[in-house]
Amino acid sequence: MIIDKKVKTNIDINKMDNFQLARWAALVEGVNLIADMAGEKMKQFNNLELKPLALMKYIESTCDQICRKMNDVDDQDQIHENIKRKHNV
């Protein structure tokens, strides 16, 4: 089997919406948790028994939480901008 290893490297996070950013953040967090578990068990990362479905479920549940937090911050920023504009600050 031949696998095409071309990776798209020109990803611009400024063009991503909050949901896309939240999914990437959840993936990074999940991988960090796996790496931490490897350290606790004194195992090499490559020797861990990975469970892709568990990681996918983790990403799904964590992504929503991260996205909500990001949207709350965006809403707060928008409120502050509106107040500044209204009062010419």
PDB file of N, CA and C in Angstrom:
ATOM      1  N   MET A   1       0.838  -1.171   0.000  1.00  0.00           N
ATOM      2  CA  MET A   1       0.000   0.000   0.000  1.00  0.00           C
ATOM      3  C   MET A   1       0.889   1.242   0.000  1.00  0.00           C
ATOM      4  N   ILE A   2       0.560   2.197  -0.847  1.00  0.00           N
ATOM      5  CA  ILE A   2       1.310   3.445  -0.941  1.00  0.00           C
ATOM      6  C   ILE A   2       0.481   4.541  -0.286  1.00  0.00           C
ATOM      7  N   ILE A   3       1.124   5.279   0.576  1.00  0.00           N
ATOM      8  CA  ILE A   3       0.448   6.374   1.278  1.00  0.00           C
ATOM      9  C   ILE A   3       1.049   7.687   0.802  1.00  0.00           C
ATOM     10  N   ASP A   4       0.203   8.572   0.362  1.00  0.00           N
ATOM     11  CA  ASP A   4       0.647   9.894  -0.066  1.00  0.00           C
ATOM     12  C   ASP A   4       0.854  10.742   1.181  1.00  0.00           C
ATOM     13  N   LYS A   5       2.089  11.160   1.425  1.00  0.00           N
ATOM     14  CA  LYS A   5       2.402  11.892   2.650  1.00  0.00           C
ATOM     15  C   LYS A   5       2.491  13.397   2.428  1.00  0.00           C
ATOM     16  N   LYS A   6       1.858  13.896   1.383  1.00  0.00           N
ATOM     17  CA  LYS A   6       1.866  15.337   1.170  1.00  0.00           C
ATOM     18  C   LYS A   6       0.987  15.986   2.231  1.00  0.00           C
ATOM     19  N   VAL A   7       1.546  16.928   2.934  1.00  0.00           N
ATOM     20  CA  VAL A   7       0.825  17.601   4.008  1.00  0.00           C
ATOM     21  C   VAL A   7       0.649  19.061   3.628  1.00  0.00           C
ATOM     22  N   LYS A   8      -0.553  19.534   3.805  1.00  0.00           N
ATOM     23  CA  LYS A   8      -0.830  20.941   3.536  1.00  0.00           C
ATOM     24  C   LYS A   8      -0.200  21.769   4.655  1.00  0.00           C
ATOM     25  N   THR A   9       0.775  22.585   4.312  1.00  0.00           N
ATOM     26  CA  THR A   9       1.496  23.336   5.336  1.00  0.00           C
ATOM     27  C   THR A   9       1.149  24.820   5.364  1.00  0.00           C
ATOM     28  N   ASN A  10       0.319  25.259   4.461  1.00  0.00           N
ATOM     29  CA  ASN A  10      -0.011  26.682   4.436  1.00  0.00           C
ATOM     30  C   ASN A  10      -1.358  26.945   5.101  1.00  0.00           C
ATOM     31  N   ILE A  11      -1.496  26.461   6.306  1.00  0.00           N
ATOM     32  CA  ILE A  11      -2.729  26.638   7.066  1.00  0.00           C
ATOM     33  C   ILE A  11      -2.676  27.996   7.760  1.00  0.00           C
ATOM     34  N   ASP A  12      -3.721  28.770   7.605  1.00  0.00           N
ATOM     35  CA  ASP A  12      -3.792  30.095   8.202  1.00  0.00           C
ATOM     36  C   ASP A  12      -4.850  30.084   9.305  1.00  0.00           C
ATOM     37  N   ILE A  13      -4.408  30.098  10.554  1.00  0.00           N
ATOM     38  CA  ILE A  13      -5.377  30.022  11.653  1.00  0.00           C
ATOM     39  C   ILE A  13      -6.245  31.272  11.732  1.00  0.00           C
ATOM     40  N   ASN A  14      -5.794  32.362  11.124  1.00  0.00           N
ATOM     41  CA  ASN A  14      -6.613  33.582  11.125  1.00  0.00           C
ATOM     42  C   ASN A  14      -7.869  33.421  10.276  1.00  0.00           C
ATOM     43  N   LYS A  15      -7.877  32.424   9.389  1.00  0.00           N
ATOM     44  CA  LYS A  15      -9.043  32.180   8.541  1.00  0.00           C
ATOM     45  C   LYS A  15      -9.957  31.104   9.113  1.00  0.00           C
ATOM     46  N   MET A  16      -9.589  30.546  10.260  1.00  0.00           N
ATOM     47  CA  MET A  16     -10.407  29.512  10.894  1.00  0.00           C
ATOM     48  C   MET A  16     -11.472  30.161  11.780  1.00  0.00           C
ATOM     49  N   ASP A  17     -12.617  29.508  11.856  1.00  0.00           N
ATOM     50  CA  ASP A  17     -13.632  29.986  12.787  1.00  0.00           C
ATOM     51  C   ASP A  17     -13.368  29.365  14.165  1.00  0.00           C
ATOM     52  N   ASN A  18     -14.139  29.793  15.148  1.00  0.00           N
ATOM     53  CA  ASN A  18     -13.917  29.312  16.515  1.00  0.00           C
ATOM     54  C   ASN A  18     -14.056  27.800  16.638  1.00  0.00           C
ATOM     55  N   PHE A  19     -14.985  27.216  15.885  1.00  0.00           N
ATOM     56  CA  PHE A  19     -15.181  25.770  15.972  1.00  0.00           C
ATOM     57  C   PHE A  19     -13.945  25.026  15.482  1.00  0.00           C
ATOM     58  N   GLN A  20     -13.374  25.460  14.365  1.00  0.00           N
ATOM     59  CA  GLN A  20     -12.173  24.807  13.844  1.00  0.00           C
ATOM     60  C   GLN A  20     -11.009  24.951  14.818  1.00  0.00           C
ATOM     61  N   LEU A  21     -10.840  26.141  15.361  1.00  0.00           N
ATOM     62  CA  LEU A  21      -9.767  26.356  16.343  1.00  0.00           C
ATOM     63  C   LEU A  21      -9.983  25.491  17.584  1.00  0.00           C
ATOM     64  N   ALA A  22     -11.230  25.384  18.016  1.00  0.00           N
ATOM     65  CA  ALA A  22     -11.547  24.586  19.204  1.00  0.00           C
ATOM     66  C   ALA A  22     -11.245  23.107  18.955  1.00  0.00           C
ATOM     67  N   ARG A  23     -11.528  22.603  17.748  1.00  0.00           N
ATOM     68  CA  ARG A  23     -11.228  21.195  17.434  1.00  0.00           C
ATOM     69  C   ARG A  23      -9.730  20.944  17.474  1.00  0.00           C
ATOM     70  N   TRP A  24      -8.952  21.872  16.912  1.00  0.00           N
ATOM     71  CA  TRP A  24      -7.493  21.707  16.957  1.00  0.00           C
ATOM     72  C   TRP A  24      -6.998  21.752  18.405  1.00  0.00           C
ATOM     73  N   ALA A  25      -7.539  22.674  19.185  1.00  0.00           N
ATOM     74  CA  ALA A  25      -7.121  22.780  20.590  1.00  0.00           C
ATOM     75  C   ALA A  25      -7.475  21.506  21.354  1.00  0.00           C
ATOM     76  N   ALA A  26      -8.645  20.933  21.077  1.00  0.00           N
ATOM     77  CA  ALA A  26      -9.058  19.696  21.740  1.00  0.00           C
ATOM     78  C   ALA A  26      -8.145  18.543  21.343  1.00  0.00           C
ATOM     79  N   LEU A  27      -7.746  18.496  20.075  1.00  0.00           N
ATOM     80  CA  LEU A  27      -6.816  17.455  19.629  1.00  0.00           C
ATOM     81  C   LEU A  27      -5.483  17.581  20.342  1.00  0.00           C
ATOM     82  N   VAL A  28      -4.955  18.794  20.396  1.00  0.00           N
ATOM     83  CA  VAL A  28      -3.675  19.022  21.075  1.00  0.00           C
ATOM     84  C   VAL A  28      -3.780  18.627  22.541  1.00  0.00           C
ATOM     85  N   GLU A  29      -4.874  19.018  23.184  1.00  0.00           N
ATOM     86  CA  GLU A  29      -5.074  18.675  24.593  1.00  0.00           C
ATOM     87  C   GLU A  29      -5.144  17.159  24.783  1.00  0.00           C
ATOM     88  N   GLY A  30      -5.841  16.473  23.878  1.00  0.00           N
ATOM     89  CA  GLY A  30      -5.940  15.017  23.957  1.00  0.00           C
ATOM     90  C   GLY A  30      -4.597  14.337  23.794  1.00  0.00           C
ATOM     91  N   VAL A  31      -3.800  14.797  22.844  1.00  0.00           N
ATOM     92  CA  VAL A  31      -2.472  14.223  22.627  1.00  0.00           C
ATOM     93  C   VAL A  31      -1.584  14.499  23.842  1.00  0.00           C
ATOM     94  N   ASN A  32      -1.701  15.685  24.420  1.00  0.00           N
ATOM     95  CA  ASN A  32      -0.922  15.992  25.626  1.00  0.00           C
ATOM     96  C   ASN A  32      -1.306  15.085  26.788  1.00  0.00           C
ATOM     97  N   LEU A  33      -2.596  14.784  26.930  1.00  0.00           N
ATOM     98  CA  LEU A  33      -3.037  13.861  27.984  1.00  0.00           C
ATOM     99  C   LEU A  33      -2.443  12.469  27.772  1.00  0.00           C
ATOM    100  N   ILE A  34      -2.422  12.024  26.525  1.00  0.00           N
ATOM    101  CA  ILE A  34      -1.838  10.711  26.209  1.00  0.00           C
ATOM    102  C   ILE A  34      -0.347  10.717  26.533  1.00  0.00           C
ATOM    103  N   ALA A  35       0.337  11.795  26.174  1.00  0.00           N
ATOM    104  CA  ALA A  35       1.770  11.895  26.468  1.00  0.00           C
ATOM    105  C   ALA A  35       2.014  11.897  27.977  1.00  0.00           C
ATOM    106  N   ASP A  36       1.148  12.588  28.729  1.00  0.00           N
ATOM    107  CA  ASP A  36       1.274  12.596  30.192  1.00  0.00           C
ATOM    108  C   ASP A  36       1.089  11.194  30.757  1.00  0.00           C
ATOM    109  N   MET A  37       0.109  10.468  30.228  1.00  0.00           N
ATOM    110  CA  MET A  37      -0.110   9.092  30.686  1.00  0.00           C
ATOM    111  C   MET A  37       1.096   8.224  30.378  1.00  0.00           C
ATOM    112  N   ALA A  38       1.712   8.440  29.234  1.00  0.00           N
ATOM    113  CA  ALA A  38       2.910   7.678  28.872  1.00  0.00           C
ATOM    114  C   ALA A  38       4.018   7.957  29.882  1.00  0.00           C
ATOM    115  N   GLY A  39       4.151   9.219  30.262  1.00  0.00           N
ATOM    116  CA  GLY A  39       5.176   9.578  31.245  1.00  0.00           C
ATOM    117  C   GLY A  39       4.916   8.950  32.600  1.00  0.00           C
ATOM    118  N   GLU A  40       3.637   8.934  33.014  1.00  0.00           N
ATOM    119  CA  GLU A  40       3.288   8.337  34.298  1.00  0.00           C
ATOM    120  C   GLU A  40       3.548   6.837  34.305  1.00  0.00           C
ATOM    121  N   LYS A  41       3.324   6.185  33.179  1.00  0.00           N
ATOM    122  CA  LYS A  41       3.517   4.734  33.093  1.00  0.00           C
ATOM    123  C   LYS A  41       4.941   4.372  32.681  1.00  0.00           C
ATOM    124  N   MET A  42       5.774   5.404  32.511  1.00  0.00           N
ATOM    125  CA  MET A  42       7.172   5.206  32.129  1.00  0.00           C
ATOM    126  C   MET A  42       7.275   4.416  30.814  1.00  0.00           C
ATOM    127  N   LYS A  43       6.406   4.738  29.876  1.00  0.00           N
ATOM    128  CA  LYS A  43       6.413   4.074  28.577  1.00  0.00           C
ATOM    129  C   LYS A  43       6.715   5.096  27.491  1.00  0.00           C
ATOM    130  N   GLN A  44       7.281   4.606  26.407  1.00  0.00           N
ATOM    131  CA  GLN A  44       7.464   5.438  25.237  1.00  0.00           C
ATOM    132  C   GLN A  44       6.092   5.690  24.612  1.00  0.00           C
ATOM    133  N   PHE A  45       5.909   6.863  24.058  1.00  0.00           N
ATOM    134  CA  PHE A  45       4.637   7.208  23.427  1.00  0.00           C
ATOM    135  C   PHE A  45       4.261   6.167  22.370  1.00  0.00           C
ATOM    136  N   ASN A  46       5.245   5.720  21.590  1.00  0.00           N
ATOM    137  CA  ASN A  46       4.993   4.752  20.519  1.00  0.00           C
ATOM    138  C   ASN A  46       4.554   3.384  21.046  1.00  0.00           C
ATOM    139  N   ASN A  47       4.836   3.079  22.308  1.00  0.00           N
ATOM    140  CA  ASN A  47       4.489   1.782  22.875  1.00  0.00           C
ATOM    141  C   ASN A  47       3.136   1.779  23.594  1.00  0.00           C
ATOM    142  N   LEU A  48       2.449   2.910  23.605  1.00  0.00           N
ATOM    143  CA  LEU A  48       1.140   2.971  24.243  1.00  0.00           C
ATOM    144  C   LEU A  48       0.086   2.314  23.363  1.00  0.00           C
ATOM    145  N   GLU A  49      -0.910   1.761  24.003  1.00  0.00           N
ATOM    146  CA  GLU A  49      -2.052   1.235  23.270  1.00  0.00           C
ATOM    147  C   GLU A  49      -3.038   2.393  23.079  1.00  0.00           C
ATOM    148  N   LEU A  50      -3.049   2.932  21.874  1.00  0.00           N
ATOM    149  CA  LEU A  50      -3.902   4.078  21.595  1.00  0.00           C
ATOM    150  C   LEU A  50      -5.301   3.617  21.209  1.00  0.00           C
ATOM    151  N   LYS A  51      -6.276   4.377  21.629  1.00  0.00           N
ATOM    152  CA  LYS A  51      -7.669   4.060  21.332  1.00  0.00           C
ATOM    153  C   LYS A  51      -8.261   5.243  20.560  1.00  0.00           C
ATOM    154  N   PRO A  52      -8.230   5.143  19.220  1.00  0.00           N
ATOM    155  CA  PRO A  52      -8.683   6.272  18.403  1.00  0.00           C
ATOM    156  C   PRO A  52     -10.123   6.708  18.686  1.00  0.00           C
ATOM    157  N   LEU A  53     -11.018   5.763  18.947  1.00  0.00           N
ATOM    158  CA  LEU A  53     -12.407   6.151  19.227  1.00  0.00           C
ATOM    159  C   LEU A  53     -12.518   6.942  20.524  1.00  0.00           C
ATOM    160  N   ALA A  54     -11.738   6.557  21.512  1.00  0.00           N
ATOM    161  CA  ALA A  54     -11.747   7.298  22.779  1.00  0.00           C
ATOM    162  C   ALA A  54     -11.215   8.717  22.567  1.00  0.00           C
ATOM    163  N   LEU A  55     -10.164   8.846  21.766  1.00  0.00           N
ATOM    164  CA  LEU A  55      -9.621  10.177  21.472  1.00  0.00           C
ATOM    165  C   LEU A  55     -10.640  11.005  20.697  1.00  0.00           C
ATOM    166  N   MET A  56     -11.323  10.392  19.747  1.00  0.00           N
ATOM    167  CA  MET A  56     -12.335  11.094  18.971  1.00  0.00           C
ATOM    168  C   MET A  56     -13.471  11.584  19.877  1.00  0.00           C
ATOM    169  N   LYS A  57     -13.918  10.734  20.810  1.00  0.00           N
ATOM    170  CA  LYS A  57     -14.973  11.137  21.743  1.00  0.00           C
ATOM    171  C   LYS A  57     -14.495  12.271  22.645  1.00  0.00           C
ATOM    172  N   TYR A  58     -13.225  12.199  23.063  1.00  0.00           N
ATOM    173  CA  TYR A  58     -12.650  13.264  23.889  1.00  0.00           C
ATOM    174  C   TYR A  58     -12.665  14.582  23.115  1.00  0.00           C
ATOM    175  N   ILE A  59     -12.248  14.535  21.859  1.00  0.00           N
ATOM    176  CA  ILE A  59     -12.222  15.744  21.033  1.00  0.00           C
ATOM    177  C   ILE A  59     -13.624  16.306  20.883  1.00  0.00           C
ATOM    178  N   GLU A  60     -14.587  15.445  20.613  1.00  0.00           N
ATOM    179  CA  GLU A  60     -15.976  15.897  20.439  1.00  0.00           C
ATOM    180  C   GLU A  60     -16.499  16.603  21.689  1.00  0.00           C
ATOM    181  N   SER A  61     -16.276  16.004  22.848  1.00  0.00           N
ATOM    182  CA  SER A  61     -16.810  16.595  24.077  1.00  0.00           C
ATOM    183  C   SER A  61     -16.035  17.849  24.487  1.00  0.00           C
ATOM    184  N   THR A  62     -14.737  17.832  24.328  1.00  0.00           N
ATOM    185  CA  THR A  62     -13.910  18.968  24.734  1.00  0.00           C
ATOM    186  C   THR A  62     -14.053  20.134  23.769  1.00  0.00           C
ATOM    187  N   CYS A  63     -14.212  19.834  22.497  1.00  0.00           N
ATOM    188  CA  CYS A  63     -14.340  20.867  21.471  1.00  0.00           C
ATOM    189  C   CYS A  63     -15.510  21.802  21.781  1.00  0.00           C
ATOM    190  N   ASP A  64     -16.640  21.243  22.152  1.00  0.00           N
ATOM    191  CA  ASP A  64     -17.811  22.069  22.456  1.00  0.00           C
ATOM    192  C   ASP A  64     -17.543  23.015  23.621  1.00  0.00           C
ATOM    193  N   GLN A  65     -16.890  22.507  24.654  1.00  0.00           N
ATOM    194  CA  GLN A  65     -16.582  23.338  25.820  1.00  0.00           C
ATOM    195  C   GLN A  65     -15.641  24.479  25.444  1.00  0.00           C
ATOM    196  N   ILE A  66     -14.606  24.165  24.682  1.00  0.00           N
ATOM    197  CA  ILE A  66     -13.634  25.184  24.267  1.00  0.00           C
ATOM    198  C   ILE A  66     -14.313  26.223  23.379  1.00  0.00           C
ATOM    199  N   CYS A  67     -15.127  25.753  22.453  1.00  0.00           N
ATOM    200  CA  CYS A  67     -15.810  26.657  21.523  1.00  0.00           C
ATOM    201  C   CYS A  67     -16.737  27.614  22.277  1.00  0.00           C
ATOM    202  N   ARG A  68     -17.471  27.093  23.268  1.00  0.00           N
ATOM    203  CA  ARG A  68     -18.348  27.955  24.067  1.00  0.00           C
ATOM    204  C   ARG A  68     -17.549  29.040  24.777  1.00  0.00           C
ATOM    205  N   LYS A  69     -16.415  28.656  25.340  1.00  0.00           N
ATOM    206  CA  LYS A  69     -15.567  29.641  26.030  1.00  0.00           C
ATOM    207  C   LYS A  69     -15.062  30.695  25.050  1.00  0.00           C
ATOM    208  N   MET A  70     -14.658  30.256  23.864  1.00  0.00           N
ATOM    209  CA  MET A  70     -14.163  31.197  22.855  1.00  0.00           C
ATOM    210  C   MET A  70     -15.276  32.146  22.415  1.00  0.00           C
ATOM    211  N   ASN A  71     -16.473  31.625  22.228  1.00  0.00           N
ATOM    212  CA  ASN A  71     -17.595  32.464  21.825  1.00  0.00           C
ATOM    213  C   ASN A  71     -17.954  33.465  22.906  1.00  0.00           C
ATOM    214  N   ASP A  72     -17.861  33.039  24.175  1.00  0.00           N
ATOM    215  CA  ASP A  72     -18.122  33.964  25.281  1.00  0.00           C
ATOM    216  C   ASP A  72     -17.126  35.115  25.261  1.00  0.00           C
ATOM    217  N   VAL A  73     -15.862  34.806  25.030  1.00  0.00           N
ATOM    218  CA  VAL A  73     -14.828  35.846  24.966  1.00  0.00           C
ATOM    219  C   VAL A  73     -15.091  36.764  23.794  1.00  0.00           C
ATOM    220  N   ASP A  74     -15.444  36.183  22.628  1.00  0.00           N
ATOM    221  CA  ASP A  74     -15.762  37.011  21.461  1.00  0.00           C
ATOM    222  C   ASP A  74     -16.941  37.924  21.744  1.00  0.00           C
ATOM    223  N   ASP A  75     -17.978  37.386  22.415  1.00  0.00           N
ATOM    224  CA  ASP A  75     -19.143  38.192  22.758  1.00  0.00           C
ATOM    225  C   ASP A  75     -18.752  39.342  23.682  1.00  0.00           C
ATOM    226  N   GLN A  76     -17.901  39.060  24.654  1.00  0.00           N
ATOM    227  CA  GLN A  76     -17.456  40.093  25.584  1.00  0.00           C
ATOM    228  C   GLN A  76     -16.647  41.157  24.847  1.00  0.00           C
ATOM    229  N   ASP A  77     -15.785  40.727  23.933  1.00  0.00           N
ATOM    230  CA  ASP A  77     -15.004  41.687  23.148  1.00  0.00           C
ATOM    231  C   ASP A  77     -15.923  42.573  22.316  1.00  0.00           C
ATOM    232  N   GLN A  78     -16.953  41.968  21.723  1.00  0.00           N
ATOM    233  CA  GLN A  78     -17.898  42.736  20.915  1.00  0.00           C
ATOM    234  C   GLN A  78     -18.660  43.733  21.779  1.00  0.00           C
ATOM    235  N   ILE A  79     -19.048  43.331  22.978  1.00  0.00           N
ATOM    236  CA  ILE A  79     -19.753  44.231  23.897  1.00  0.00           C
ATOM    237  C   ILE A  79     -18.857  45.422  24.249  1.00  0.00           C
ATOM    238  N   HIS A  80     -17.594  45.131  24.549  1.00  0.00           N
ATOM    239  CA  HIS A  80     -16.665  46.211  24.889  1.00  0.00           C
ATOM    240  C   HIS A  80     -16.473  47.168  23.712  1.00  0.00           C
ATOM    241  N   GLU A  81     -16.379  46.625  22.508  1.00  0.00           N
ATOM    242  CA  GLU A  81     -16.229  47.466  21.320  1.00  0.00           C
ATOM    243  C   GLU A  81     -17.457  48.347  21.122  1.00  0.00           C
ATOM    244  N   ASN A  82     -18.632  47.767  21.312  1.00  0.00           N
ATOM    245  CA  ASN A  82     -19.868  48.546  21.161  1.00  0.00           C
ATOM    246  C   ASN A  82     -19.947  49.672  22.191  1.00  0.00           C
ATOM    247  N   ILE A  83     -19.539  49.390  23.414  1.00  0.00           N
ATOM    248  CA  ILE A  83     -19.546  50.417  24.470  1.00  0.00           C
ATOM    249  C   ILE A  83     -18.570  51.537  24.122  1.00  0.00           C
ATOM    250  N   LYS A  84     -17.385  51.153  23.658  1.00  0.00           N
ATOM    251  CA  LYS A  84     -16.392  52.168  23.285  1.00  0.00           C
ATOM    252  C   LYS A  84     -16.922  53.048  22.158  1.00  0.00           C
ATOM    253  N   ARG A  85     -17.531  52.414  21.142  1.00  0.00           N
ATOM    254  CA  ARG A  85     -18.065  53.159  20.004  1.00  0.00           C
ATOM    255  C   ARG A  85     -19.194  54.080  20.456  1.00  0.00           C
ATOM    256  N   LYS A  86     -20.049  53.592  21.323  1.00  0.00           N
ATOM    257  CA  LYS A  86     -21.198  54.371  21.787  1.00  0.00           C
ATOM    258  C   LYS A  86     -20.755  55.598  22.567  1.00  0.00           C
ATOM    259  N   HIS A  87     -19.701  55.459  23.332  1.00  0.00           N
ATOM    260  CA  HIS A  87     -19.237  56.551  24.192  1.00  0.00           C
ATOM    261  C   HIS A  87     -18.006  57.262  23.624  1.00  0.00           C
ATOM    262  N   ASN A  88     -17.676  56.955  22.391  1.00  0.00           N
ATOM    263  CA  ASN A  88     -16.511  57.591  21.723  1.00  0.00           C
ATOM    264  C   ASN A  88     -15.240  57.506  22.550  1.00  0.00           C
ATOM    265  N   VAL A  89     -14.998  56.337  23.087  1.00  0.00           N
ATOM    266  CA  VAL A  89     -13.810  56.137  23.925  1.00  0.00           C
ATOM    267  C   VAL A  89     -12.663  55.694  23.059  1.00  0.00           C
TER     268      VAL A  89
END
